[in-house]
N, C-alpha and C. Protein backbone atom coordinates (compact mmCIF):
# COMPACT_ATOMS: atom_id res chain seq x y z
N MET A 1 -7.11 71.12 88.86
CA MET A 1 -6.27 72.45 88.51
C MET A 1 -5.10 72.62 88.96
N THR A 2 -4.04 72.70 88.01
CA THR A 2 -2.66 72.74 88.67
C THR A 2 -2.08 73.88 89.64
N ASP A 3 -1.17 73.32 90.59
CA ASP A 3 -1.57 74.27 91.59
C ASP A 3 -0.19 75.33 90.52
N VAL A 4 0.04 76.18 90.14
CA VAL A 4 0.83 77.50 89.34
C VAL A 4 1.85 77.96 90.40
N GLY A 5 1.93 77.35 91.56
CA GLY A 5 2.50 78.41 92.64
C GLY A 5 3.90 77.69 93.46
N PRO A 6 3.60 76.44 92.41
CA PRO A 6 5.12 75.99 92.54
C PRO A 6 5.74 76.35 91.72
N ILE A 7 4.78 75.94 90.51
CA ILE A 7 6.28 76.91 88.98
C ILE A 7 6.25 78.06 88.79
N GLN A 8 5.39 78.44 88.81
CA GLN A 8 5.69 79.73 88.99
C GLN A 8 6.96 80.25 89.76
N ARG A 9 7.71 79.60 90.65
CA ARG A 9 9.02 80.06 92.23
C ARG A 9 10.04 79.25 91.36
N PHE A 10 10.10 77.71 91.12
CA PHE A 10 10.78 77.39 89.97
C PHE A 10 11.49 78.04 89.74
N TYR A 11 10.48 78.64 88.20
CA TYR A 11 11.16 79.01 87.29
C TYR A 11 11.55 80.28 87.69
N ASP A 12 10.84 81.34 88.18
CA ASP A 12 11.65 81.78 88.12
C ASP A 12 13.09 81.94 89.36
N ARG A 13 13.48 80.89 89.77
CA ARG A 13 14.50 81.21 90.09
C ARG A 13 15.18 80.46 89.40
N TRP A 14 14.85 79.52 88.26
CA TRP A 14 16.38 78.95 87.50
C TRP A 14 15.31 79.32 85.73
N ALA A 15 15.68 81.01 85.92
CA ALA A 15 14.95 81.83 84.26
C ALA A 15 16.33 81.30 84.09
N GLY A 16 18.04 82.09 84.86
CA GLY A 16 19.14 82.15 84.09
C GLY A 16 18.98 80.59 83.46
N PRO A 17 19.11 79.69 83.88
CA PRO A 17 19.63 78.97 83.39
C PRO A 17 19.69 77.99 81.86
N TYR A 18 17.94 78.06 82.62
CA TYR A 18 17.14 77.47 81.47
C TYR A 18 17.28 77.92 80.50
N ASP A 19 17.62 79.96 80.18
CA ASP A 19 17.45 79.97 79.40
C ASP A 19 19.40 79.44 78.37
N LEU A 20 19.75 78.99 79.07
CA LEU A 20 20.75 78.33 78.69
C LEU A 20 20.93 77.59 77.90
N ILE A 21 20.42 76.50 78.76
CA ILE A 21 19.75 75.76 78.01
C ILE A 21 18.56 75.10 77.23
N GLY A 22 17.90 76.21 77.16
CA GLY A 22 17.26 76.07 75.82
C GLY A 22 17.92 76.41 74.45
N ASN A 23 18.63 76.97 73.88
CA ASN A 23 18.80 78.26 73.55
C ASN A 23 20.37 76.96 73.41
N ALA A 24 20.86 75.83 73.58
CA ALA A 24 22.57 75.15 73.09
C ALA A 24 21.80 74.48 71.95
N PRO A 25 22.79 74.65 71.43
CA PRO A 25 22.60 73.70 69.86
C PRO A 25 21.89 72.49 69.34
N PRO A 26 21.71 72.18 70.48
CA PRO A 26 20.79 70.78 69.68
C PRO A 26 19.66 70.95 70.09
N VAL A 27 19.35 71.58 70.78
CA VAL A 27 17.88 72.23 71.69
C VAL A 27 17.59 73.16 70.82
N ARG A 28 18.50 74.02 69.80
CA ARG A 28 17.55 75.10 69.00
C ARG A 28 17.62 74.24 67.33
N GLY A 29 18.29 72.83 67.22
CA GLY A 29 17.30 72.09 66.15
C GLY A 29 15.58 71.19 66.31
N TRP A 30 15.88 70.67 67.87
CA TRP A 30 14.85 70.50 68.47
C TRP A 30 13.35 71.97 67.83
N ARG A 31 14.16 72.77 68.75
CA ARG A 31 12.87 73.21 68.10
C ARG A 31 12.55 74.34 67.25
N ARG A 32 13.51 74.22 65.42
CA ARG A 32 13.48 74.37 64.50
C ARG A 32 12.55 73.41 63.77
N ARG A 33 12.77 72.43 64.02
CA ARG A 33 12.08 71.55 63.51
C ARG A 33 11.03 71.04 64.40
N ALA A 34 10.29 71.59 64.98
CA ALA A 34 8.40 71.60 65.33
C ALA A 34 7.89 73.10 64.76
N VAL A 35 8.97 74.12 64.79
CA VAL A 35 8.10 75.11 63.60
C VAL A 35 8.10 75.09 62.95
N ASP A 36 8.58 74.36 61.88
CA ASP A 36 8.64 73.88 60.88
C ASP A 36 7.40 73.67 60.83
N ALA A 37 7.39 72.49 61.60
CA ALA A 37 6.44 70.97 61.46
C ALA A 37 4.69 72.37 61.50
N LEU A 38 4.99 73.37 62.30
CA LEU A 38 3.79 73.59 61.89
C LEU A 38 3.11 75.24 61.38
N ASP A 39 4.38 75.49 59.51
CA ASP A 39 3.75 75.12 59.07
C ASP A 39 3.07 76.54 58.53
N LEU A 40 3.73 77.93 58.52
CA LEU A 40 3.45 78.98 59.39
C LEU A 40 3.93 79.78 58.04
N ALA A 41 3.17 80.50 57.69
CA ALA A 41 3.26 81.43 56.48
C ALA A 41 3.20 83.22 57.15
N GLY A 42 3.05 83.93 56.01
CA GLY A 42 3.79 85.45 55.98
C GLY A 42 2.56 85.77 56.42
N GLY A 43 2.47 86.61 57.60
CA GLY A 43 1.46 87.54 58.29
C GLY A 43 0.45 87.01 58.72
N GLU A 44 0.78 85.74 58.76
CA GLU A 44 -0.33 84.88 60.24
C GLU A 44 0.27 85.97 61.73
N THR A 45 -0.32 84.69 62.54
CA THR A 45 -0.87 84.99 63.58
C THR A 45 -1.04 84.06 64.72
N VAL A 46 0.72 84.36 65.35
CA VAL A 46 0.34 82.23 66.23
C VAL A 46 1.02 82.74 67.68
N VAL A 47 0.85 81.83 68.22
CA VAL A 47 0.90 82.10 70.19
C VAL A 47 1.96 80.94 70.35
N GLU A 48 2.37 81.36 71.27
CA GLU A 48 3.66 80.46 71.57
C GLU A 48 2.77 80.13 73.67
N MET A 49 2.46 79.10 73.56
CA MET A 49 1.80 79.20 75.32
C MET A 49 3.39 78.49 75.84
N GLY A 50 3.32 79.28 77.04
CA GLY A 50 4.80 78.83 77.71
C GLY A 50 6.21 79.13 77.01
N CYS A 51 5.91 80.01 76.56
CA CYS A 51 7.33 81.21 75.45
C CYS A 51 8.43 80.82 76.72
N GLY A 52 8.48 80.95 77.83
CA GLY A 52 9.34 81.23 78.83
C GLY A 52 10.91 82.08 78.42
N THR A 53 11.15 82.30 77.80
CA THR A 53 13.02 82.72 77.81
C THR A 53 12.57 83.96 75.75
N GLY A 54 11.58 82.87 75.76
CA GLY A 54 11.21 83.25 74.03
C GLY A 54 12.52 82.99 73.39
N ALA A 55 12.64 81.54 73.64
CA ALA A 55 14.11 80.92 73.07
C ALA A 55 13.27 80.90 71.26
N ASN A 56 11.95 80.72 71.43
CA ASN A 56 11.59 80.06 70.03
C ASN A 56 10.62 81.60 69.00
N LEU A 57 10.35 82.64 69.83
CA LEU A 57 10.15 84.01 68.82
C LEU A 57 10.84 84.21 67.92
N PRO A 58 12.09 84.13 68.37
CA PRO A 58 12.63 84.22 66.45
C PRO A 58 12.46 83.33 65.40
N LEU A 59 12.59 81.98 65.48
CA LEU A 59 12.32 81.54 64.40
C LEU A 59 10.52 81.22 64.78
N LEU A 60 10.07 81.39 65.35
CA LEU A 60 7.88 82.02 64.54
C LEU A 60 8.33 83.36 64.27
N ARG A 61 9.13 84.12 64.46
CA ARG A 61 9.07 85.42 63.19
C ARG A 61 9.94 85.86 62.56
N GLU A 62 10.17 85.20 62.48
CA GLU A 62 10.78 84.50 60.90
C GLU A 62 9.95 83.78 59.40
N ARG A 63 8.86 83.40 60.80
CA ARG A 63 8.11 81.68 60.01
C ARG A 63 6.91 82.94 59.33
N VAL A 64 6.34 84.08 60.27
CA VAL A 64 5.42 84.43 60.13
C VAL A 64 5.55 86.32 58.97
N GLY A 65 6.59 86.33 59.38
CA GLY A 65 7.63 88.19 58.41
C GLY A 65 7.11 89.70 59.73
N PRO A 66 7.45 90.27 59.03
CA PRO A 66 6.82 91.46 59.49
C PRO A 66 5.99 91.68 59.09
N SER A 67 5.52 91.69 58.89
CA SER A 67 3.03 91.48 58.14
C SER A 67 2.68 90.41 59.65
N GLY A 68 2.91 89.75 60.18
CA GLY A 68 2.46 89.04 60.90
C GLY A 68 2.12 89.22 62.50
N GLN A 69 2.07 88.11 63.05
CA GLN A 69 2.02 88.63 65.20
C GLN A 69 3.05 86.78 65.60
N VAL A 70 3.20 87.17 66.64
CA VAL A 70 3.81 86.69 67.69
C VAL A 70 4.09 86.70 69.16
N ILE A 71 2.95 86.13 69.79
CA ILE A 71 2.63 86.26 70.71
C ILE A 71 2.53 85.24 71.87
N GLY A 72 3.62 86.00 72.87
CA GLY A 72 4.33 84.72 72.91
C GLY A 72 3.61 84.89 75.35
N LEU A 73 3.27 83.31 75.52
CA LEU A 73 2.64 84.01 76.96
C LEU A 73 3.16 82.96 77.79
N ASP A 74 3.39 83.40 78.96
CA ASP A 74 4.10 82.72 80.26
C ASP A 74 3.57 82.93 81.66
N LEU A 75 3.42 81.97 82.55
CA LEU A 75 3.01 82.66 83.53
C LEU A 75 4.34 82.76 84.69
N THR A 76 5.61 82.81 84.42
CA THR A 76 6.13 83.51 84.91
C THR A 76 7.01 84.56 84.45
N SER A 77 6.64 85.64 85.33
CA SER A 77 7.78 87.01 85.23
C SER A 77 9.18 87.04 85.45
N GLY A 78 10.10 85.92 85.88
CA GLY A 78 11.38 86.32 85.74
C GLY A 78 11.88 84.96 84.23
N MET A 79 10.71 84.96 83.44
CA MET A 79 10.95 83.92 82.07
C MET A 79 10.85 85.55 81.23
N LEU A 80 9.85 85.98 81.30
CA LEU A 80 9.40 86.81 80.62
C LEU A 80 10.18 88.07 80.40
N ASP A 81 10.57 88.37 81.89
CA ASP A 81 12.12 89.67 82.07
C ASP A 81 12.96 88.87 80.34
N TYR A 82 13.61 87.42 80.04
CA TYR A 82 15.10 86.70 79.56
C TYR A 82 13.76 87.50 78.06
N ALA A 83 12.58 86.79 77.79
CA ALA A 83 12.51 87.13 76.97
C ALA A 83 12.07 88.50 75.98
N ARG A 84 11.72 89.90 76.98
CA ARG A 84 11.64 90.96 76.66
C ARG A 84 13.23 91.34 76.60
N GLU A 85 13.70 90.70 76.91
CA GLU A 85 15.11 91.56 76.49
C GLU A 85 15.96 91.17 76.02
N ARG A 86 15.10 89.86 74.55
CA ARG A 86 15.06 89.53 73.34
C ARG A 86 14.35 89.98 72.17
N ILE A 87 13.41 90.89 72.55
CA ILE A 87 13.00 91.35 72.09
C ILE A 87 13.45 92.62 71.99
N GLU A 88 13.44 92.73 73.29
CA GLU A 88 14.01 94.41 72.83
C GLU A 88 15.38 94.45 72.39
N ARG A 89 16.50 93.86 72.42
CA ARG A 89 17.85 93.16 71.20
C ARG A 89 17.37 93.33 69.61
N GLY A 90 16.01 92.67 69.30
CA GLY A 90 15.50 92.76 67.90
C GLY A 90 15.28 93.09 67.89
N GLY A 91 14.69 94.83 68.27
CA GLY A 91 13.72 95.29 67.67
C GLY A 91 12.88 95.04 67.10
N TRP A 92 12.12 94.67 67.56
CA TRP A 92 11.14 93.10 66.99
C TRP A 92 9.16 93.53 67.66
N GLU A 93 9.01 95.23 66.49
CA GLU A 93 7.80 95.90 67.23
C GLU A 93 6.09 94.41 67.12
N ASN A 94 6.42 93.51 66.57
CA ASN A 94 5.11 92.39 65.42
C ASN A 94 5.45 91.38 66.69
N VAL A 95 6.05 91.55 67.66
CA VAL A 95 6.10 90.16 69.07
C VAL A 95 5.80 91.30 70.17
N HIS A 96 4.89 90.16 70.99
CA HIS A 96 3.81 91.01 72.14
C HIS A 96 4.39 89.61 73.17
N LEU A 97 4.08 90.10 74.53
CA LEU A 97 4.41 88.79 75.59
C LEU A 97 2.88 89.32 76.22
N VAL A 98 2.63 88.52 76.21
CA VAL A 98 1.21 88.26 77.68
C VAL A 98 1.88 87.37 79.20
N HIS A 99 1.04 88.12 79.91
CA HIS A 99 1.63 87.52 80.97
C HIS A 99 0.23 86.60 81.99
N GLY A 100 0.13 85.21 81.06
CA GLY A 100 -1.02 84.72 81.61
C GLY A 100 -0.81 82.45 81.60
N ASP A 101 -1.34 82.54 82.40
CA ASP A 101 -1.39 80.83 83.07
C ASP A 101 -2.34 80.83 81.03
N ALA A 102 -1.75 79.59 80.97
CA ALA A 102 -1.91 79.15 79.59
C ALA A 102 -3.02 77.85 79.52
N THR A 103 -3.17 77.61 80.40
CA THR A 103 -4.75 76.25 80.54
C THR A 103 -5.50 77.43 80.41
N ALA A 104 -5.76 79.21 80.33
CA ALA A 104 -6.40 79.63 80.20
C ALA A 104 -6.48 80.59 79.36
N PRO A 105 -5.90 80.86 78.07
CA PRO A 105 -5.03 81.63 78.10
C PRO A 105 -6.13 83.63 77.91
N PRO A 106 -5.40 84.16 78.18
CA PRO A 106 -6.21 85.19 78.26
C PRO A 106 -5.66 86.21 76.38
N ILE A 107 -6.40 85.39 75.31
CA ILE A 107 -5.77 85.95 74.40
C ILE A 107 -7.18 86.06 72.99
N ASP A 108 -7.68 87.04 72.68
CA ASP A 108 -8.18 87.77 71.59
C ASP A 108 -8.15 87.82 70.04
N GLY A 109 -8.71 87.94 70.00
CA GLY A 109 -9.29 88.19 68.03
C GLY A 109 -8.54 86.44 67.29
N ASP A 110 -8.35 87.01 66.35
CA ASP A 110 -8.30 85.62 65.30
C ASP A 110 -6.67 85.00 65.64
N VAL A 111 -6.53 83.49 65.84
CA VAL A 111 -5.40 83.05 65.62
C VAL A 111 -4.75 82.23 64.69
N ASP A 112 -3.95 82.45 63.99
CA ASP A 112 -4.03 81.03 62.90
C ASP A 112 -3.10 79.70 63.35
N ALA A 113 -3.08 80.13 64.81
CA ALA A 113 -1.55 78.33 64.94
C ALA A 113 -1.07 79.35 66.70
N VAL A 114 -1.14 77.96 67.23
CA VAL A 114 -0.42 77.60 68.50
C VAL A 114 0.54 76.20 68.39
N PHE A 115 1.57 77.00 69.39
CA PHE A 115 2.14 76.52 69.30
C PHE A 115 3.17 75.83 71.06
N ALA A 116 3.30 75.10 71.24
CA ALA A 116 3.90 74.92 73.21
C ALA A 116 5.38 73.61 72.67
N SER A 117 6.06 73.94 73.60
CA SER A 117 7.87 73.22 73.15
C SER A 117 7.83 72.84 74.84
N PHE A 118 8.25 71.74 75.31
CA PHE A 118 7.43 71.02 76.69
C PHE A 118 7.14 71.50 77.52
N VAL A 119 6.01 71.33 77.51
CA VAL A 119 4.93 72.57 78.33
C VAL A 119 3.58 71.91 78.82
N VAL A 120 3.05 70.68 78.24
CA VAL A 120 1.99 69.68 78.06
C VAL A 120 2.54 69.51 79.80
N GLY A 121 3.76 69.42 79.92
CA GLY A 121 2.96 68.04 80.68
C GLY A 121 3.13 68.89 82.58
N MET A 122 2.89 70.00 82.29
CA MET A 122 2.70 70.29 84.21
C MET A 122 2.03 70.45 84.01
N PHE A 123 0.35 70.16 83.10
CA PHE A 123 -1.37 70.04 83.28
C PHE A 123 -1.22 69.06 83.91
N ASP A 124 -1.89 69.51 85.67
CA ASP A 124 -2.71 68.22 85.57
C ASP A 124 -3.69 67.04 84.74
N ASP A 125 -4.42 67.99 83.70
CA ASP A 125 -5.42 67.79 82.85
C ASP A 125 -5.07 68.11 81.36
N PRO A 126 -4.03 67.45 80.72
CA PRO A 126 -3.24 68.03 79.52
C PRO A 126 -4.53 67.86 78.79
N ASP A 127 -5.67 66.64 78.42
CA ASP A 127 -6.37 66.85 76.87
C ASP A 127 -7.12 68.55 77.28
N ALA A 128 -8.40 68.76 78.16
CA ALA A 128 -8.74 70.03 78.50
C ALA A 128 -8.46 71.03 78.44
N VAL A 129 -6.68 70.64 78.28
CA VAL A 129 -5.71 72.33 77.62
C VAL A 129 -5.43 71.87 76.54
N VAL A 130 -5.07 70.86 75.60
CA VAL A 130 -5.42 71.13 74.77
C VAL A 130 -6.72 71.56 74.02
N GLU A 131 -7.83 71.38 74.79
CA GLU A 131 -9.01 71.75 73.16
C GLU A 131 -8.74 73.07 74.15
N GLU A 132 -8.60 73.86 75.38
CA GLU A 132 -9.14 75.27 75.13
C GLU A 132 -8.14 75.65 73.93
N TRP A 133 -6.42 75.26 73.50
CA TRP A 133 -6.22 75.64 72.96
C TRP A 133 -6.57 75.74 71.82
N LEU A 134 -7.16 74.48 71.39
CA LEU A 134 -7.62 75.06 69.85
C LEU A 134 -8.96 75.24 69.55
N ARG A 135 -9.69 76.09 70.31
CA ARG A 135 -11.02 77.04 70.90
C ARG A 135 -10.02 78.53 69.93
N LEU A 136 -8.89 78.84 69.84
CA LEU A 136 -8.35 80.06 69.86
C LEU A 136 -8.61 79.99 68.19
N LEU A 137 -8.82 78.39 67.93
CA LEU A 137 -8.39 78.58 66.58
C LEU A 137 -9.87 78.61 65.84
N GLY A 138 -10.70 78.91 66.02
CA GLY A 138 -12.10 78.97 65.76
C GLY A 138 -12.40 78.05 64.66
N GLY A 139 -11.42 76.83 64.82
CA GLY A 139 -12.43 75.76 63.69
C GLY A 139 -11.98 75.50 62.59
N ALA A 140 -10.50 76.60 62.66
CA ALA A 140 -9.27 76.06 61.83
C ALA A 140 -8.07 76.43 62.56
N GLY A 141 -7.04 76.00 61.20
CA GLY A 141 -5.51 76.85 61.54
C GLY A 141 -4.82 75.55 62.43
N ARG A 142 -3.59 75.82 62.88
CA ARG A 142 -3.07 74.37 63.61
C ARG A 142 -1.89 74.41 64.33
N ILE A 143 -1.88 73.94 64.85
CA ILE A 143 -1.40 73.54 66.13
C ILE A 143 -0.39 72.45 65.99
N ALA A 144 0.85 72.75 67.44
CA ALA A 144 2.49 72.21 67.43
C ALA A 144 2.70 71.66 68.54
N LEU A 145 2.74 69.88 69.76
CA LEU A 145 3.30 70.08 69.96
C LEU A 145 4.74 69.13 70.80
N LEU A 146 5.86 69.72 71.48
CA LEU A 146 7.46 69.30 71.11
C LEU A 146 7.25 68.97 72.41
N ASP A 147 7.55 67.57 72.94
CA ASP A 147 7.30 67.18 74.68
C ASP A 147 8.78 66.02 74.82
N ALA A 148 9.00 65.80 75.55
CA ALA A 148 10.56 64.33 76.13
C ALA A 148 9.37 63.77 77.20
N GLY A 149 9.78 63.00 76.89
CA GLY A 149 9.35 61.68 77.87
C GLY A 149 9.91 60.80 78.34
N PRO A 150 9.58 59.42 78.82
CA PRO A 150 11.01 58.15 78.92
C PRO A 150 10.66 57.72 77.57
N SER A 151 12.29 56.98 76.50
CA SER A 151 11.85 56.98 75.48
C SER A 151 10.97 55.76 75.86
N ASP A 152 10.37 54.38 74.65
CA ASP A 152 9.83 52.85 74.81
C ASP A 152 10.61 52.02 74.42
N ARG A 153 12.13 52.93 73.44
CA ARG A 153 13.04 52.03 72.35
C ARG A 153 13.44 50.71 73.52
N PRO A 154 13.69 49.45 72.30
CA PRO A 154 14.79 48.92 73.57
C PRO A 154 16.22 49.31 73.71
N ALA A 155 15.78 49.90 72.57
CA ALA A 155 18.01 50.23 72.27
C ALA A 155 18.46 51.53 74.21
N ALA A 156 16.91 52.59 74.30
CA ALA A 156 16.92 53.14 75.44
C ALA A 156 16.49 53.09 76.20
N ILE A 157 16.29 52.30 76.91
CA ILE A 157 15.63 51.61 77.96
C ILE A 157 17.01 52.14 78.99
N PRO A 158 19.07 51.65 79.37
CA PRO A 158 19.72 51.94 79.80
C PRO A 158 18.91 53.79 80.44
N LEU A 159 19.64 54.60 79.07
CA LEU A 159 18.98 56.07 79.17
C LEU A 159 17.99 56.48 80.18
N ASN A 160 16.67 55.60 79.79
CA ASN A 160 15.87 56.12 80.58
C ASN A 160 15.65 56.50 82.12
N ALA A 161 16.79 56.04 82.67
CA ALA A 161 17.29 56.26 84.35
C ALA A 161 17.56 57.77 84.20
N VAL A 162 18.53 57.57 83.35
CA VAL A 162 19.27 59.14 82.64
C VAL A 162 18.57 60.30 83.01
N PHE A 163 17.06 59.59 82.18
CA PHE A 163 16.71 61.02 82.44
C PHE A 163 15.31 61.17 82.94
N ARG A 164 15.16 59.63 84.07
CA ARG A 164 14.37 60.00 85.22
C ARG A 164 15.18 60.70 86.42
N ALA A 165 16.21 60.26 86.73
CA ALA A 165 17.36 61.25 86.92
C ALA A 165 16.75 63.49 87.12
N PHE A 166 16.80 63.42 85.51
CA PHE A 166 16.88 64.92 85.58
C PHE A 166 15.77 65.27 85.23
N THR A 167 14.78 63.82 85.48
CA THR A 167 12.85 65.08 85.17
C THR A 167 13.01 64.80 86.70
N ARG A 168 13.72 64.17 87.32
CA ARG A 168 13.87 64.24 89.35
C ARG A 168 14.26 65.54 89.52
N LEU A 169 15.22 66.70 89.31
CA LEU A 169 15.85 67.59 89.55
C LEU A 169 15.52 68.85 88.65
N THR A 170 14.53 68.65 87.16
CA THR A 170 14.51 70.04 86.73
C THR A 170 12.87 70.29 86.55
N ALA A 171 12.08 69.49 87.32
CA ALA A 171 10.64 69.30 86.78
C ALA A 171 10.21 70.23 88.09
N PRO A 172 9.97 71.04 88.34
CA PRO A 172 8.25 71.42 89.61
C PRO A 172 7.65 70.43 89.81
N ALA A 173 6.65 69.57 89.01
CA ALA A 173 6.58 69.20 89.07
C ALA A 173 6.33 67.86 90.44
N SER A 174 7.02 67.25 89.92
CA SER A 174 8.43 66.64 91.02
C SER A 174 8.19 66.37 92.18
N ARG A 175 7.92 67.97 92.55
CA ARG A 175 7.53 68.33 94.16
C ARG A 175 5.89 67.43 94.48
N THR A 176 5.16 67.75 93.68
CA THR A 176 3.57 67.49 93.84
C THR A 176 3.59 65.55 93.85
N THR A 177 3.94 65.76 92.04
CA THR A 177 3.14 64.34 92.01
C THR A 177 3.22 62.81 93.03
N PRO A 178 1.90 62.14 92.74
CA PRO A 178 2.67 60.91 93.16
C PRO A 178 3.06 59.52 92.98
N ALA A 179 3.26 59.44 91.73
CA ALA A 179 3.96 58.85 90.86
C ALA A 179 5.01 59.05 90.57
N SER A 180 5.96 58.33 90.08
CA SER A 180 7.80 59.24 89.76
C SER A 180 7.38 60.63 88.55
N PRO A 181 8.08 61.41 88.49
CA PRO A 181 7.85 61.91 87.75
C PRO A 181 8.02 62.08 87.18
N ALA A 182 9.01 60.90 86.20
CA ALA A 182 9.27 60.46 84.18
C ALA A 182 7.74 60.15 84.06
N ILE A 183 6.94 58.87 84.87
CA ILE A 183 5.92 58.96 84.22
C ILE A 183 4.87 59.33 84.00
N GLU A 184 4.40 60.26 85.07
CA GLU A 184 3.85 60.68 84.88
C GLU A 184 3.63 61.49 84.23
N LEU A 185 5.34 62.72 83.11
CA LEU A 185 5.45 63.68 82.64
C LEU A 185 4.59 62.70 81.20
N GLY A 186 5.54 61.36 81.61
CA GLY A 186 5.33 60.29 80.35
C GLY A 186 3.44 60.73 80.02
N ARG A 187 2.16 60.56 81.13
CA ARG A 187 1.60 60.25 81.11
C ARG A 187 0.92 61.32 79.98
N ARG A 188 0.92 62.59 80.82
CA ARG A 188 0.39 63.90 80.48
C ARG A 188 0.77 65.04 79.20
N VAL A 189 2.40 64.20 78.47
CA VAL A 189 2.63 64.16 77.18
C VAL A 189 1.67 63.59 76.38
N ARG A 190 1.70 61.81 76.32
CA ARG A 190 0.65 61.07 75.86
C ARG A 190 -0.16 61.48 75.80
N THR A 191 -1.19 62.00 76.53
CA THR A 191 -2.70 62.11 77.17
C THR A 191 -2.89 64.06 75.94
N ALA A 192 -1.92 64.73 75.87
CA ALA A 192 -2.21 66.13 75.38
C ALA A 192 -1.91 65.13 73.70
N HIS A 193 -0.86 64.72 73.24
CA HIS A 193 -0.27 63.98 71.34
C HIS A 193 -1.69 63.75 71.65
N SER A 194 -2.45 62.85 72.31
CA SER A 194 -3.45 61.94 70.85
C SER A 194 -4.75 62.71 71.27
N GLU A 195 -4.34 64.35 72.57
CA GLU A 195 -5.51 64.73 72.08
C GLU A 195 -5.83 65.54 70.75
N VAL A 196 -4.79 66.05 70.29
CA VAL A 196 -4.38 66.60 69.57
C VAL A 196 -4.58 65.43 67.87
N GLU A 197 -4.02 64.52 68.21
CA GLU A 197 -4.86 63.48 67.25
C GLU A 197 -6.11 63.34 67.41
N ARG A 198 -7.27 63.09 67.78
CA ARG A 198 -7.82 63.30 68.28
C ARG A 198 -9.18 64.72 67.57
N LEU A 199 -8.74 65.18 67.72
CA LEU A 199 -9.78 66.95 67.18
C LEU A 199 -9.01 67.05 66.12
N ALA A 200 -7.84 66.96 65.85
CA ALA A 200 -7.55 67.34 64.28
C ALA A 200 -7.24 66.76 63.60
N LYS A 201 -8.74 67.83 62.03
CA LYS A 201 -8.55 67.06 60.77
C LYS A 201 -7.28 66.31 59.68
N GLU A 202 -6.36 67.13 59.98
CA GLU A 202 -5.10 66.27 60.08
C GLU A 202 -3.57 65.77 61.26
N SER A 203 -3.30 64.85 61.40
CA SER A 203 -2.06 65.48 61.86
C SER A 203 -0.81 64.43 62.20
N ASN A 204 0.12 64.19 62.36
CA ASN A 204 1.59 63.60 61.85
C ASN A 204 2.42 63.81 63.79
N ARG A 205 2.40 62.45 64.28
CA ARG A 205 3.49 62.46 65.01
C ARG A 205 5.00 61.73 64.91
N VAL A 206 6.11 62.47 65.46
CA VAL A 206 7.08 61.08 64.88
C VAL A 206 7.40 61.44 66.19
N ALA A 207 9.10 60.57 66.22
CA ALA A 207 9.93 60.00 67.99
C ALA A 207 10.85 60.15 67.63
N PHE A 208 12.14 61.16 67.61
CA PHE A 208 13.43 61.27 67.76
C PHE A 208 14.07 61.57 68.73
N GLY A 209 15.52 61.24 68.97
CA GLY A 209 15.96 61.90 69.94
C GLY A 209 15.84 59.99 71.15
N PHE A 210 16.57 59.15 69.45
CA PHE A 210 16.66 57.69 71.20
C PHE A 210 14.70 57.93 71.28
N GLY A 211 14.33 58.57 71.07
CA GLY A 211 12.46 57.86 71.31
C GLY A 211 12.15 59.30 72.12
N PHE A 212 12.81 60.01 72.83
CA PHE A 212 13.34 60.31 73.85
C PHE A 212 12.15 62.26 74.50
N LEU A 213 12.56 61.96 72.64
CA LEU A 213 11.43 63.76 71.87
C LEU A 213 10.66 63.25 71.39
N ARG A 214 9.27 63.55 71.22
CA ARG A 214 7.59 63.80 70.42
C ARG A 214 7.45 64.32 69.77
N LEU A 215 7.32 64.82 69.00
CA LEU A 215 6.58 66.31 68.05
C LEU A 215 5.48 65.68 67.17
N THR A 216 3.85 66.05 67.62
CA THR A 216 3.29 66.37 67.11
C THR A 216 2.31 67.37 66.49
N ALA A 217 1.95 67.23 65.51
CA ALA A 217 1.77 68.57 64.96
C ALA A 217 0.31 68.75 64.16
N GLY A 218 -0.61 69.11 64.24
CA GLY A 218 -1.80 68.77 63.84
C GLY A 218 -2.47 69.88 62.43
N ARG A 219 -3.89 70.36 62.44
CA ARG A 219 -4.56 70.76 61.27
C ARG A 219 -5.83 70.49 61.36
N LEU A 220 -6.79 71.92 62.36
CA LEU A 220 -8.01 71.48 62.67
C LEU A 220 -9.19 71.53 61.05
N ALA A 221 -8.73 72.21 59.60
CA ALA A 221 -8.77 72.08 58.43
C ALA A 221 -8.72 72.90 57.62
């Protein structure tokens, strides 16, 4: 089981800087591309696992429209405070927040889609977590994962050193994993994305950003 204490403390402390990074123009473009891959329709219900400060909430709400529902789940109170302020500023009555653990999401009712960005690398058993998320869809619906990991493209090899340093500085798991934080992150990301491909009836995986970003979208039925 993932030790959630270090994760909570880390993101409570860094919620403000995280919000600035998450809303930077390049990152917004990555997030929009991932939300587009989810292929949401008006009136649907989408759950974002690890919603953080709510950077994706306006994008998801835009897709489901005023008749749909957006549920953002996160483990960290500090992150949810930022997300709550974003919802209040927008006056979004169909966007809701849940304080909970994404490895066992306390979500009831019909869900059409699950979305997660830069989250699965935190889990010790990402394949089991993805299976749990897919159960929320009840045998139908869609899922999309957006994550970062070391690049295997020859041209990007010199940049992997920068990525390793960034991962060590910004990932709470770097304090507890025995392997290199970037290597462990890459393993977890590959495992989660491969699980989507294994369980989905249809799936599509793309790599971009010199191979550092991976986006996998799947449809169960």
